[in-house]
Amino acid sequence: MREVRNWTLIRRSVQLLVVALLLTPVAGGTFFTGNLSSSQLLGLVLSDPYSVLETTVASRRLLAGLVLSGGIILGLYWVIGGRTYCGWVCPVNILLDWTDWVGRSLRNFRKTVSPVAGATKPDGSKAKGIDGRTPYRVLAVFLLLSAATRLPVFGIINPISAVVRNLQWGVDIGLILVAVLVLWQLIFRDRAWCRYLCPVGTIYGLLGKSSPVRVVLDHRSCTHCGVCQEVCPMGGEPVREVWPRPAALKLTRLTDQDCTNCGLCIDRCPSKALQYQVFKQPAKPSTK
């Protein structure tokens, strides 16, 4: 892709546009209604894929219109990178980004992200951390609860929807959970909600593993300085997946499901070893 000097600035601009879009009903606009779970944009019905899955499980009915509206969003985020939703669109992530900024301005504020067990460290050893299967277990629990109660359990407590409701209609009780997430992030800065507990992120993470748009690491330029891992809001897991690799390998795509394609590692890499790549597959290591 063409080199861009500041992906973070572009991402912040997109985030502001998303907030402005969500506020259009408040301002009397009619081209967008609803929220990020279910909405209409210029008359086109759109649904979050997880909301479609949970609603289907809870109601025990497969509605063609719902599947179609969710399929549109599913296809869009597959093309642009799955968890791009988390890094560029999700209002909870926007809040946590700003929470990180506040935290960094506090004295002695440190990053305490726990790596996924088995992740590769820069020295080639394996990290001990939280079981990487945890997000799938949480996803399964929410779906089982929805099936048992015949209610969209996550949809009821969803902090993403709570943020949108508070933007559009004023403060409600859902803000309590959002405040807890912000306080947790301010204290621990571990993105526990995004990495392990949010089933929406888990669905998009699985989708993004095969997305055409991914961050790639050029091993020829990489100096193993560790800056990418330090700045990664998801704990550096996406980078650990591909670092280190054989010198014969020129480019490696970051396919870890935690990667939100936020572009922060690209902006901060001093050797410019990271970049976005579309479609093109990296060279395979030599077997000779």
Foldseek 3Di string as FASTA:
>chain_A
DPDDQDLLVVLVVLQVVLLVLLQCVVVVDDQWDDAAQWIHHNNQTAHQLLSQLLLCLLQVDRDPSSCVRNVVVLVVLLAAFLLLCVQRHQPLSVLLVVLVVVLVVDPPRDAAAFEAFQFQDLVRDTGHGHHQCQQVVLLVVQSVVSNVNSHNVCVVLPLSVQVSCCSHPNHDPSVVVSVVVSVCCSRHLHPCCLRHNDNSLVVSLVSRLNHQKFKKFFQVQDPSPCPLQRPDSNRNRLVSNPHPDDPQWGMDTRRGSSDNPSCPSCNPPPRNRMDMGGNDDTDDGDPD
